[in-house]
Amino acid sequence: MKIKTAKIHSISKISFIVLIIAFIAGYFLYIRPNRIPPLNIPMPGNEIPEIDYKVTAKFDNLPVEAMVYRFIKPKNIDIEIKSLAKIFGLKGEMEYQPIWRTYLIKEKIDEKYYRALEYEIDTGRWHYEDSKGLDNDDPQNLPSDEEAKKIALDFLKKNGLYDKRFIYCAVTDSSSGDKITNDYKVHHKNVYFYPEIKGKPVYGVSRIIVVVGDNGKIVEVYKWYKEVEEYKKVKIMPAEKAFEKVKNRKSSNSINPMAKSATIKEVFLAYWEDAGTIEEQPYLQPVWVFAGEAVTEDGKVEKFDAVVPAIE
């Protein structure tokens, strides 16, 4: 009888150990790789003021679930880099930089490196630069904002570099000097393209930047986003609960620290692309955005928005 009882205990222990091993294996093989990690949104550098927010935005009929997108790891990296080098007419050897996990192609002209392409193997983001064109401080024929926008868009579309998600466009100047001292000079036009996904804007680092120089020459291009695919729909935090985080100064809030009053005029769902690698943050996640206007101590009215991760 004692032997039989010992056998039962032994079998129970073995079964328990097998279950533990199965759980650990399941965690590392399925649960951990597929769990959605917390979204860390950078907090503003300035202190967020203590404010009793007025609300004119409606909180009814807001989503209770949202699609999460999975970032896609780059494939056929060697082919893509060679294709990009061909687009920019770059001639040079491709070298791997293990510290930065990037590939670099540099082109030497008159014994100096003037043009280069750098490609991140963990994200598929890349950057092309023509330093000679960027260093031209006295352009004679810079395009207007609208011309620069057309030049940039035509270049991206012609070379298969345009993603139709990037529908928002803004143009800024790279300049020096000051209009007051009469030495203000515009050197380049920076054309920014920002994305949306299924009608929702994408915040964070996601963008394409094309820098247009003298005579409409392309002198710099950034592909600063990761490719995505649908992952799954998940339940999200109610907007009312997310707003509590805004009121308790636990959101990424662009409000002026000198604001004395503020009104939330709009609440909507958006997405946030993290700046890190796919291993660090595998998913494009939804966020709640609370947009409004603030009045500062000197009476100025300024727009602001507060962003809160939508997944608890």
C-alpha atoms as a PDB file:
ATOM      1  CA  MET A   1       0.000   0.000   0.000  1.00  0.00           C
ATOM      2  CA  LYS A   2       2.854   2.349   0.890  1.00  0.00           C
ATOM      3  CA  ILE A   3       4.564   1.531  -2.410  1.00  0.00           C
ATOM      4  CA  LYS A   4       1.347   2.315  -4.298  1.00  0.00           C
ATOM      5  CA  THR A   5       0.974   5.642  -2.454  1.00  0.00           C
ATOM      6  CA  ALA A   6       4.604   6.519  -3.236  1.00  0.00           C
ATOM      7  CA  LYS A   7       3.992   5.800  -6.902  1.00  0.00           C
ATOM      8  CA  ILE A   8       0.935   8.058  -6.917  1.00  0.00           C
ATOM      9  CA  HIS A   9       2.965  10.870  -5.287  1.00  0.00           C
ATOM     10  CA  SER A  10       5.755  10.339  -7.785  1.00  0.00           C
ATOM     11  CA  ILE A  11       3.330  10.483 -10.735  1.00  0.00           C
ATOM     12  CA  SER A  12       1.715  13.624  -9.279  1.00  0.00           C
ATOM     13  CA  LYS A  13       5.104  15.314  -8.969  1.00  0.00           C
ATOM     14  CA  ILE A  14       6.039  14.376 -12.513  1.00  0.00           C
ATOM     15  CA  SER A  15       2.663  15.623 -13.802  1.00  0.00           C
ATOM     16  CA  PHE A  16       3.121  18.881 -11.893  1.00  0.00           C
ATOM     17  CA  ILE A  17       6.622  19.368 -13.333  1.00  0.00           C
ATOM     18  CA  VAL A  18       5.337  18.612 -16.851  1.00  0.00           C
ATOM     19  CA  LEU A  19       2.582  21.214 -16.412  1.00  0.00           C
ATOM     20  CA  ILE A  20       5.118  23.802 -15.214  1.00  0.00           C
ATOM     21  CA  ILE A  21       7.393  23.074 -18.173  1.00  0.00           C
ATOM     22  CA  ALA A  22       4.418  23.286 -20.565  1.00  0.00           C
ATOM     23  CA  PHE A  23       3.360  26.623 -19.079  1.00  0.00           C
ATOM     24  CA  ILE A  24       6.888  28.039 -19.326  1.00  0.00           C
ATOM     25  CA  ALA A  25       7.235  26.800 -22.913  1.00  0.00           C
ATOM     26  CA  GLY A  26       3.826  28.254 -23.801  1.00  0.00           C
ATOM     27  CA  TYR A  27       4.738  31.592 -22.249  1.00  0.00           C
ATOM     28  CA  PHE A  28       8.008  31.941 -24.159  1.00  0.00           C
ATOM     29  CA  LEU A  29       6.749  30.454 -27.430  1.00  0.00           C
ATOM     30  CA  TYR A  30       3.329  32.090 -27.657  1.00  0.00           C
ATOM     31  CA  ILE A  31       2.199  34.402 -24.828  1.00  0.00           C
ATOM     32  CA  ARG A  32       5.332  36.531 -24.501  1.00  0.00           C
ATOM     33  CA  PRO A  33       5.979  37.050 -28.258  1.00  0.00           C
ATOM     34  CA  ASN A  34       2.312  37.942 -28.834  1.00  0.00           C
ATOM     35  CA  ARG A  35       1.540  40.060 -25.777  1.00  0.00           C
ATOM     36  CA  ILE A  36       1.073  43.776 -26.353  1.00  0.00           C
ATOM     37  CA  PRO A  37       3.689  45.596 -24.237  1.00  0.00           C
ATOM     38  CA  PRO A  38       2.965  48.959 -22.586  1.00  0.00           C
ATOM     39  CA  LEU A  39       3.277  51.979 -24.865  1.00  0.00           C
ATOM     40  CA  ASN A  40       5.758  54.474 -23.469  1.00  0.00           C
ATOM     41  CA  ILE A  41       4.929  57.930 -24.806  1.00  0.00           C
ATOM     42  CA  PRO A  42       7.538  60.607 -23.978  1.00  0.00           C
ATOM     43  CA  MET A  43       6.332  63.177 -21.471  1.00  0.00           C
ATOM     44  CA  PRO A  44       6.811  66.874 -22.304  1.00  0.00           C
ATOM     45  CA  GLY A  45       9.954  68.623 -21.105  1.00  0.00           C
ATOM     46  CA  ASN A  46       7.957  71.453 -19.529  1.00  0.00           C
ATOM     47  CA  GLU A  47       5.877  71.061 -16.398  1.00  0.00           C
ATOM     48  CA  ILE A  48       2.181  70.451 -17.020  1.00  0.00           C
ATOM     49  CA  PRO A  49       0.083  73.096 -15.209  1.00  0.00           C
ATOM     50  CA  GLU A  50      -2.701  72.200 -12.791  1.00  0.00           C
ATOM     51  CA  ILE A  51      -5.889  73.111 -14.635  1.00  0.00           C
ATOM     52  CA  ASP A  52      -9.600  72.437 -14.310  1.00  0.00           C
ATOM     53  CA  TYR A  53     -10.352  71.556 -17.927  1.00  0.00           C
ATOM     54  CA  LYS A  54     -13.604  72.689 -19.451  1.00  0.00           C
ATOM     55  CA  VAL A  55     -15.053  70.144 -21.871  1.00  0.00           C
ATOM     56  CA  THR A  56     -17.148  70.905 -24.937  1.00  0.00           C
ATOM     57  CA  ALA A  57     -16.204  67.690 -26.746  1.00  0.00           C
ATOM     58  CA  LYS A  58     -18.712  64.851 -26.864  1.00  0.00           C
ATOM     59  CA  PHE A  59     -17.730  61.532 -25.324  1.00  0.00           C
ATOM     60  CA  ASP A  60     -20.637  59.545 -26.750  1.00  0.00           C
ATOM     61  CA  ASN A  61     -20.375  57.121 -29.696  1.00  0.00           C
ATOM     62  CA  LEU A  62     -16.630  56.691 -29.222  1.00  0.00           C
ATOM     63  CA  PRO A  63     -14.948  53.347 -30.084  1.00  0.00           C
ATOM     64  CA  VAL A  64     -14.744  50.619 -27.444  1.00  0.00           C
ATOM     65  CA  GLU A  65     -12.243  48.528 -29.420  1.00  0.00           C
ATOM     66  CA  ALA A  66      -9.511  49.201 -31.958  1.00  0.00           C
ATOM     67  CA  MET A  67      -7.262  47.371 -34.381  1.00  0.00           C
ATOM     68  CA  VAL A  68      -3.667  46.856 -33.294  1.00  0.00           C
ATOM     69  CA  TYR A  69      -1.107  46.702 -36.113  1.00  0.00           C
ATOM     70  CA  ARG A  70       2.077  44.647 -36.119  1.00  0.00           C
ATOM     71  CA  PHE A  71       5.337  46.107 -37.415  1.00  0.00           C
ATOM     72  CA  ILE A  72       6.908  44.083 -40.220  1.00  0.00           C
ATOM     73  CA  LYS A  73      10.595  43.218 -40.060  1.00  0.00           C
ATOM     74  CA  PRO A  74      12.582  44.187 -43.171  1.00  0.00           C
ATOM     75  CA  LYS A  75      13.146  41.441 -45.737  1.00  0.00           C
ATOM     76  CA  ASN A  76      15.524  41.271 -48.704  1.00  0.00           C
ATOM     77  CA  ILE A  77      17.608  44.045 -47.143  1.00  0.00           C
ATOM     78  CA  ASP A  78      20.478  43.687 -49.617  1.00  0.00           C
ATOM     79  CA  ILE A  79      18.139  44.065 -52.611  1.00  0.00           C
ATOM     80  CA  GLU A  80      16.367  47.076 -51.084  1.00  0.00           C
ATOM     81  CA  ILE A  81      19.603  48.910 -50.305  1.00  0.00           C
ATOM     82  CA  LYS A  82      20.906  48.349 -53.836  1.00  0.00           C
ATOM     83  CA  SER A  83      17.586  49.588 -55.223  1.00  0.00           C
ATOM     84  CA  LEU A  84      17.806  52.766 -53.108  1.00  0.00           C
ATOM     85  CA  ALA A  85      21.424  53.325 -54.167  1.00  0.00           C
ATOM     86  CA  LYS A  86      20.305  53.083 -57.799  1.00  0.00           C
ATOM     87  CA  ILE A  87      17.511  55.626 -57.241  1.00  0.00           C
ATOM     88  CA  PHE A  88      19.968  58.161 -55.835  1.00  0.00           C
ATOM     89  CA  GLY A  89      22.741  57.259 -58.288  1.00  0.00           C
ATOM     90  CA  LEU A  90      25.045  56.313 -55.426  1.00  0.00           C
ATOM     91  CA  LYS A  91      28.266  54.510 -56.238  1.00  0.00           C
ATOM     92  CA  GLY A  92      30.222  53.004 -53.402  1.00  0.00           C
ATOM     93  CA  GLU A  93      30.827  49.918 -51.316  1.00  0.00           C
ATOM     94  CA  MET A  94      28.206  48.827 -48.787  1.00  0.00           C
ATOM     95  CA  GLU A  95      29.661  48.557 -45.294  1.00  0.00           C
ATOM     96  CA  TYR A  96      28.037  47.161 -42.157  1.00  0.00           C
ATOM     97  CA  GLN A  97      28.214  49.134 -38.898  1.00  0.00           C
ATOM     98  CA  PRO A  98      27.661  46.534 -36.130  1.00  0.00           C
ATOM     99  CA  ILE A  99      27.363  49.040 -33.266  1.00  0.00           C
ATOM    100  CA  TRP A 100      24.469  50.875 -34.939  1.00  0.00           C
ATOM    101  CA  ARG A 101      23.156  47.813 -36.831  1.00  0.00           C
ATOM    102  CA  THR A 102      23.055  49.805 -40.031  1.00  0.00           C
ATOM    103  CA  TYR A 103      24.378  49.482 -43.566  1.00  0.00           C
ATOM    104  CA  LEU A 104      26.129  52.495 -45.034  1.00  0.00           C
ATOM    105  CA  ILE A 105      27.009  53.435 -48.603  1.00  0.00           C
ATOM    106  CA  LYS A 106      29.273  56.482 -49.006  1.00  0.00           C
ATOM    107  CA  GLU A 107      30.290  58.100 -52.278  1.00  0.00           C
ATOM    108  CA  LYS A 108      33.601  59.936 -52.535  1.00  0.00           C
ATOM    109  CA  ILE A 109      33.928  62.991 -54.809  1.00  0.00           C
ATOM    110  CA  ASP A 110      37.284  64.808 -55.068  1.00  0.00           C
ATOM    111  CA  GLU A 111      38.579  62.750 -52.127  1.00  0.00           C
ATOM    112  CA  LYS A 112      35.662  63.827 -49.891  1.00  0.00           C
ATOM    113  CA  TYR A 113      32.528  61.950 -48.906  1.00  0.00           C
ATOM    114  CA  TYR A 114      29.583  64.075 -50.031  1.00  0.00           C
ATOM    115  CA  ARG A 115      26.714  61.644 -50.466  1.00  0.00           C
ATOM    116  CA  ALA A 116      25.621  58.743 -48.282  1.00  0.00           C
ATOM    117  CA  LEU A 117      22.774  56.321 -47.615  1.00  0.00           C
ATOM    118  CA  GLU A 118      22.246  54.741 -44.193  1.00  0.00           C
ATOM    119  CA  TYR A 119      19.803  51.859 -43.645  1.00  0.00           C
ATOM    120  CA  GLU A 120      18.598  50.466 -40.281  1.00  0.00           C
ATOM    121  CA  ILE A 121      18.311  46.690 -40.500  1.00  0.00           C
ATOM    122  CA  ASP A 122      16.023  46.398 -37.432  1.00  0.00           C
ATOM    123  CA  THR A 123      13.372  48.851 -38.643  1.00  0.00           C
ATOM    124  CA  GLY A 124      13.762  49.399 -42.401  1.00  0.00           C
ATOM    125  CA  ARG A 125      14.121  53.139 -41.804  1.00  0.00           C
ATOM    126  CA  TRP A 126      16.714  54.887 -43.939  1.00  0.00           C
ATOM    127  CA  HIS A 127      18.309  58.272 -44.612  1.00  0.00           C
ATOM    128  CA  TYR A 128      19.903  59.702 -47.772  1.00  0.00           C
ATOM    129  CA  GLU A 129      22.052  62.834 -47.613  1.00  0.00           C
ATOM    130  CA  ASP A 130      23.815  65.029 -50.141  1.00  0.00           C
ATOM    131  CA  SER A 131      25.989  67.129 -47.818  1.00  0.00           C
ATOM    132  CA  LYS A 132      27.287  69.306 -50.649  1.00  0.00           C
ATOM    133  CA  GLY A 133      23.741  70.349 -51.512  1.00  0.00           C
ATOM    134  CA  LEU A 134      22.854  70.815 -47.833  1.00  0.00           C
ATOM    135  CA  ASP A 135      25.906  73.035 -47.303  1.00  0.00           C
ATOM    136  CA  ASN A 136      24.856  75.439 -50.053  1.00  0.00           C
ATOM    137  CA  ASP A 137      24.168  78.568 -47.968  1.00  0.00           C
ATOM    138  CA  ASP A 138      23.507  80.844 -50.924  1.00  0.00           C
ATOM    139  CA  PRO A 139      20.875  79.230 -53.185  1.00  0.00           C
ATOM    140  CA  GLN A 140      19.885  81.304 -56.176  1.00  0.00           C
ATOM    141  CA  ASN A 141      16.710  79.551 -57.253  1.00  0.00           C
ATOM    142  CA  LEU A 142      14.801  77.984 -54.367  1.00  0.00           C
ATOM    143  CA  PRO A 143      11.293  76.708 -55.155  1.00  0.00           C
ATOM    144  CA  SER A 144       8.218  78.059 -53.371  1.00  0.00           C
ATOM    145  CA  ASP A 145       6.467  75.938 -50.745  1.00  0.00           C
ATOM    146  CA  GLU A 146       3.955  74.621 -53.285  1.00  0.00           C
ATOM    147  CA  GLU A 147       6.684  73.938 -55.852  1.00  0.00           C
ATOM    148  CA  ALA A 148       8.781  72.118 -53.237  1.00  0.00           C
ATOM    149  CA  LYS A 149       5.764  69.998 -52.250  1.00  0.00           C
ATOM    150  CA  LYS A 150       5.176  69.012 -55.893  1.00  0.00           C
ATOM    151  CA  ILE A 151       8.876  68.261 -56.486  1.00  0.00           C
ATOM    152  CA  ALA A 152       9.022  66.060 -53.364  1.00  0.00           C
ATOM    153  CA  LEU A 153       5.802  64.200 -54.126  1.00  0.00           C
ATOM    154  CA  ASP A 154       6.729  63.631 -57.777  1.00  0.00           C
ATOM    155  CA  PHE A 155      10.134  62.282 -56.717  1.00  0.00           C
ATOM    156  CA  LEU A 156       8.642  59.830 -54.205  1.00  0.00           C
ATOM    157  CA  LYS A 157       5.966  58.570 -56.592  1.00  0.00           C
ATOM    158  CA  LYS A 158       8.304  58.270 -59.574  1.00  0.00           C
ATOM    159  CA  ASN A 159      10.742  56.118 -57.590  1.00  0.00           C
ATOM    160  CA  GLY A 160       8.202  53.946 -55.779  1.00  0.00           C
ATOM    161  CA  LEU A 161       9.000  55.501 -52.391  1.00  0.00           C
ATOM    162  CA  TYR A 162       5.576  56.961 -51.671  1.00  0.00           C
ATOM    163  CA  ASP A 163       3.158  55.246 -49.295  1.00  0.00           C
ATOM    164  CA  LYS A 164      -0.426  56.410 -49.879  1.00  0.00           C
ATOM    165  CA  ARG A 165      -1.038  56.471 -46.104  1.00  0.00           C
ATOM    166  CA  PHE A 166       1.069  59.655 -45.955  1.00  0.00           C
ATOM    167  CA  ILE A 167      -1.603  62.161 -46.899  1.00  0.00           C
ATOM    168  CA  TYR A 168      -0.798  65.128 -44.626  1.00  0.00           C
ATOM    169  CA  CYS A 169       1.852  67.521 -45.887  1.00  0.00           C
ATOM    170  CA  ALA A 170       3.673  70.488 -44.360  1.00  0.00           C
ATOM    171  CA  VAL A 171       6.559  72.617 -45.631  1.00  0.00           C
ATOM    172  CA  THR A 172       9.097  74.420 -43.445  1.00  0.00           C
ATOM    173  CA  ASP A 173      12.234  76.449 -44.158  1.00  0.00           C
ATOM    174  CA  SER A 174      15.827  75.707 -43.186  1.00  0.00           C
ATOM    175  CA  SER A 175      17.151  79.211 -42.656  1.00  0.00           C
ATOM    176  CA  SER A 176      19.677  81.439 -40.937  1.00  0.00           C
ATOM    177  CA  GLY A 177      19.765  85.051 -39.801  1.00  0.00           C
ATOM    178  CA  ASP A 178      16.844  87.220 -38.779  1.00  0.00           C
ATOM    179  CA  LYS A 179      14.334  89.351 -40.675  1.00  0.00           C
ATOM    180  CA  ILE A 180      14.804  92.141 -38.129  1.00  0.00           C
ATOM    181  CA  THR A 181      18.547  92.366 -38.797  1.00  0.00           C
ATOM    182  CA  ASN A 182      17.915  91.972 -42.545  1.00  0.00           C
ATOM    183  CA  ASP A 183      20.176  88.915 -42.892  1.00  0.00           C
ATOM    184  CA  TYR A 184      17.458  86.263 -43.048  1.00  0.00           C
ATOM    185  CA  LYS A 185      18.195  83.606 -45.649  1.00  0.00           C
ATOM    186  CA  VAL A 186      16.317  80.426 -46.604  1.00  0.00           C
ATOM    187  CA  HIS A 187      18.637  77.563 -47.564  1.00  0.00           C
ATOM    188  CA  HIS A 188      16.266  74.630 -48.197  1.00  0.00           C
ATOM    189  CA  LYS A 189      12.641  73.593 -48.145  1.00  0.00           C
ATOM    190  CA  ASN A 190      11.742  70.709 -45.824  1.00  0.00           C
ATOM    191  CA  VAL A 191       8.683  68.799 -47.033  1.00  0.00           C
ATOM    192  CA  TYR A 192       7.050  66.602 -44.371  1.00  0.00           C
ATOM    193  CA  PHE A 193       4.528  63.847 -45.115  1.00  0.00           C
ATOM    194  CA  TYR A 194       2.541  62.448 -42.171  1.00  0.00           C
ATOM    195  CA  PRO A 195       0.434  59.265 -42.251  1.00  0.00           C
ATOM    196  CA  GLU A 196      -2.982  58.072 -41.284  1.00  0.00           C
ATOM    197  CA  ILE A 197      -4.261  54.526 -40.998  1.00  0.00           C
ATOM    198  CA  LYS A 198      -7.900  53.698 -41.744  1.00  0.00           C
ATOM    199  CA  GLY A 199      -8.778  57.379 -41.374  1.00  0.00           C
ATOM    200  CA  LYS A 200      -6.928  57.846 -38.065  1.00  0.00           C
ATOM    201  CA  PRO A 201      -3.787  60.004 -37.763  1.00  0.00           C
ATOM    202  CA  VAL A 202      -0.501  58.458 -36.653  1.00  0.00           C
ATOM    203  CA  TYR A 203       1.424  60.378 -33.995  1.00  0.00           C
ATOM    204  CA  GLY A 204       5.008  59.821 -32.862  1.00  0.00           C
ATOM    205  CA  VAL A 205       7.976  59.506 -35.227  1.00  0.00           C
ATOM    206  CA  SER A 206       6.159  58.289 -38.346  1.00  0.00           C
ATOM    207  CA  ARG A 207       6.954  60.526 -41.336  1.00  0.00           C
ATOM    208  CA  ILE A 208       8.678  60.947 -44.688  1.00  0.00           C
ATOM    209  CA  ILE A 209      10.896  64.017 -45.087  1.00  0.00           C
ATOM    210  CA  VAL A 210      12.198  65.320 -48.406  1.00  0.00           C
ATOM    211  CA  VAL A 211      14.581  68.289 -48.357  1.00  0.00           C
ATOM    212  CA  VAL A 212      14.552  70.320 -51.573  1.00  0.00           C
ATOM    213  CA  GLY A 213      17.471  72.622 -52.344  1.00  0.00           C
ATOM    214  CA  ASP A 214      18.643  75.041 -55.034  1.00  0.00           C
ATOM    215  CA  ASN A 215      16.978  74.591 -58.442  1.00  0.00           C
ATOM    216  CA  GLY A 216      14.665  71.936 -56.958  1.00  0.00           C
ATOM    217  CA  LYS A 217      17.429  69.420 -56.272  1.00  0.00           C
ATOM    218  CA  ILE A 218      16.677  66.641 -53.756  1.00  0.00           C
ATOM    219  CA  VAL A 219      19.410  66.970 -51.123  1.00  0.00           C
ATOM    220  CA  GLU A 220      18.059  64.791 -48.300  1.00  0.00           C
ATOM    221  CA  VAL A 221      15.371  62.132 -47.788  1.00  0.00           C
ATOM    222  CA  TYR A 222      14.210  60.362 -44.633  1.00  0.00           C
ATOM    223  CA  LYS A 223      12.011  57.277 -44.591  1.00  0.00           C
ATOM    224  CA  TRP A 224      11.222  57.421 -40.895  1.00  0.00           C
ATOM    225  CA  TYR A 225       8.562  54.785 -40.325  1.00  0.00           C
ATOM    226  CA  LYS A 226       8.132  51.012 -40.114  1.00  0.00           C
ATOM    227  CA  GLU A 227       5.889  48.900 -42.344  1.00  0.00           C
ATOM    228  CA  VAL A 228       2.731  47.509 -40.691  1.00  0.00           C
ATOM    229  CA  GLU A 229       0.115  44.799 -41.068  1.00  0.00           C
ATOM    230  CA  GLU A 230      -3.138  44.131 -39.198  1.00  0.00           C
ATOM    231  CA  TYR A 231      -2.694  42.107 -36.003  1.00  0.00           C
ATOM    232  CA  LYS A 232      -5.955  41.928 -34.035  1.00  0.00           C
ATOM    233  CA  LYS A 233      -8.749  44.005 -32.531  1.00  0.00           C
ATOM    234  CA  VAL A 234      -8.586  44.640 -28.797  1.00  0.00           C
ATOM    235  CA  LYS A 235     -10.761  46.303 -26.168  1.00  0.00           C
ATOM    236  CA  ILE A 236      -9.558  49.774 -25.269  1.00  0.00           C
ATOM    237  CA  MET A 237      -9.749  52.003 -22.222  1.00  0.00           C
ATOM    238  CA  PRO A 238     -12.883  54.173 -22.147  1.00  0.00           C
ATOM    239  CA  ALA A 239     -12.176  57.763 -23.157  1.00  0.00           C
ATOM    240  CA  GLU A 240     -13.569  58.969 -19.804  1.00  0.00           C
ATOM    241  CA  LYS A 241     -10.961  56.945 -17.932  1.00  0.00           C
ATOM    242  CA  ALA A 242      -8.195  58.182 -20.224  1.00  0.00           C
ATOM    243  CA  PHE A 243      -9.336  61.767 -19.586  1.00  0.00           C
ATOM    244  CA  GLU A 244      -8.771  61.221 -15.856  1.00  0.00           C
ATOM    245  CA  LYS A 245      -5.101  60.722 -16.692  1.00  0.00           C
ATOM    246  CA  VAL A 246      -5.101  64.065 -18.506  1.00  0.00           C
ATOM    247  CA  LYS A 247      -6.625  65.806 -15.488  1.00  0.00           C
ATOM    248  CA  ASN A 248      -4.106  64.104 -13.180  1.00  0.00           C
ATOM    249  CA  ARG A 249      -1.174  65.237 -15.368  1.00  0.00           C
ATOM    250  CA  LYS A 250      -0.331  61.668 -16.471  1.00  0.00           C
ATOM    251  CA  SER A 251      -0.570  62.273 -20.214  1.00  0.00           C
ATOM    252  CA  SER A 252       1.827  63.498 -22.884  1.00  0.00           C
ATOM    253  CA  ASN A 253       0.451  67.034 -22.972  1.00  0.00           C
ATOM    254  CA  SER A 254       1.696  69.844 -25.233  1.00  0.00           C
ATOM    255  CA  ILE A 255      -0.135  72.533 -23.248  1.00  0.00           C
ATOM    256  CA  ASN A 256       1.765  75.729 -22.418  1.00  0.00           C
ATOM    257  CA  PRO A 257       3.069  75.546 -18.807  1.00  0.00           C
ATOM    258  CA  MET A 258       1.832  79.139 -18.352  1.00  0.00           C
ATOM    259  CA  ALA A 259      -1.764  78.229 -19.255  1.00  0.00           C
ATOM    260  CA  LYS A 260      -4.367  79.380 -16.753  1.00  0.00           C
ATOM    261  CA  SER A 261      -7.424  77.787 -18.403  1.00  0.00           C
ATOM    262  CA  ALA A 262      -8.098  75.183 -21.091  1.00  0.00           C
ATOM    263  CA  THR A 263     -10.994  73.672 -23.005  1.00  0.00           C
ATOM    264  CA  ILE A 264     -11.095  70.179 -24.508  1.00  0.00           C
ATOM    265  CA  LYS A 265     -12.884  70.615 -27.827  1.00  0.00           C
ATOM    266  CA  GLU A 266     -12.283  67.260 -29.487  1.00  0.00           C
ATOM    267  CA  VAL A 267     -11.693  63.639 -28.477  1.00  0.00           C
ATOM    268  CA  PHE A 268     -10.604  61.034 -31.017  1.00  0.00           C
ATOM    269  CA  LEU A 269      -8.697  57.808 -31.461  1.00  0.00           C
ATOM    270  CA  ALA A 270      -5.309  57.878 -33.202  1.00  0.00           C
ATOM    271  CA  TYR A 271      -2.149  55.725 -33.341  1.00  0.00           C
ATOM    272  CA  TRP A 272       1.375  56.160 -31.997  1.00  0.00           C
ATOM    273  CA  GLU A 273       4.562  54.909 -33.655  1.00  0.00           C
ATOM    274  CA  ASP A 274       7.353  54.340 -31.182  1.00  0.00           C
ATOM    275  CA  ALA A 275      10.887  55.464 -32.034  1.00  0.00           C
ATOM    276  CA  GLY A 276      12.512  52.173 -31.020  1.00  0.00           C
ATOM    277  CA  THR A 277      13.122  48.906 -32.805  1.00  0.00           C
ATOM    278  CA  ILE A 278      10.514  46.254 -33.558  1.00  0.00           C
ATOM    279  CA  GLU A 279      11.931  44.091 -30.757  1.00  0.00           C
ATOM    280  CA  GLU A 280      11.444  46.951 -28.284  1.00  0.00           C
ATOM    281  CA  GLN A 281       7.891  47.763 -29.436  1.00  0.00           C
ATOM    282  CA  PRO A 282       6.398  45.247 -31.897  1.00  0.00           C
ATOM    283  CA  TYR A 283       3.036  47.006 -32.367  1.00  0.00           C
ATOM    284  CA  LEU A 284       1.476  50.184 -33.666  1.00  0.00           C
ATOM    285  CA  GLN A 285      -0.974  50.920 -30.872  1.00  0.00           C
ATOM    286  CA  PRO A 286      -4.066  53.138 -30.507  1.00  0.00           C
ATOM    287  CA  VAL A 287      -4.039  56.261 -28.335  1.00  0.00           C
ATOM    288  CA  TRP A 288      -6.676  58.690 -27.136  1.00  0.00           C
ATOM    289  CA  VAL A 289      -6.112  62.295 -28.195  1.00  0.00           C
ATOM    290  CA  PHE A 290      -7.731  65.184 -26.330  1.00  0.00           C
ATOM    291  CA  ALA A 291      -7.371  68.332 -28.431  1.00  0.00           C
ATOM    292  CA  GLY A 292      -8.261  71.814 -27.305  1.00  0.00           C
ATOM    293  CA  GLU A 293      -7.323  75.415 -26.689  1.00  0.00           C
ATOM    294  CA  ALA A 294      -5.556  76.986 -23.717  1.00  0.00           C
ATOM    295  CA  VAL A 295      -5.421  80.592 -22.553  1.00  0.00           C
ATOM    296  CA  THR A 296      -2.085  81.712 -21.113  1.00  0.00           C
ATOM    297  CA  GLU A 297      -1.485  84.260 -18.363  1.00  0.00           C
ATOM    298  CA  ASP A 298      -0.844  86.977 -20.946  1.00  0.00           C
ATOM    299  CA  GLY A 299      -4.132  86.247 -22.723  1.00  0.00           C
ATOM    300  CA  LYS A 300      -2.831  84.300 -25.713  1.00  0.00           C
ATOM    301  CA  VAL A 301      -4.963  81.465 -27.073  1.00  0.00           C
ATOM    302  CA  GLU A 302      -2.952  78.391 -28.086  1.00  0.00           C
ATOM    303  CA  LYS A 303      -3.901  74.965 -29.400  1.00  0.00           C
ATOM    304  CA  PHE A 304      -2.700  71.859 -27.576  1.00  0.00           C
ATOM    305  CA  ASP A 305      -3.304  68.123 -27.403  1.00  0.00           C
ATOM    306  CA  ALA A 306      -2.901  65.483 -24.720  1.00  0.00           C
ATOM    307  CA  VAL A 307      -2.156  61.859 -25.649  1.00  0.00           C
ATOM    308  CA  VAL A 308      -2.935  58.776 -23.543  1.00  0.00           C
ATOM    309  CA  PRO A 309      -2.293  55.102 -24.500  1.00  0.00           C
ATOM    310  CA  ALA A 310      -5.665  53.466 -25.208  1.00  0.00           C
ATOM    311  CA  ILE A 311      -4.628  49.946 -24.139  1.00  0.00           C
ATOM    312  CA  GLU A 312      -4.456  49.346 -20.388  1.00  0.00           C
END
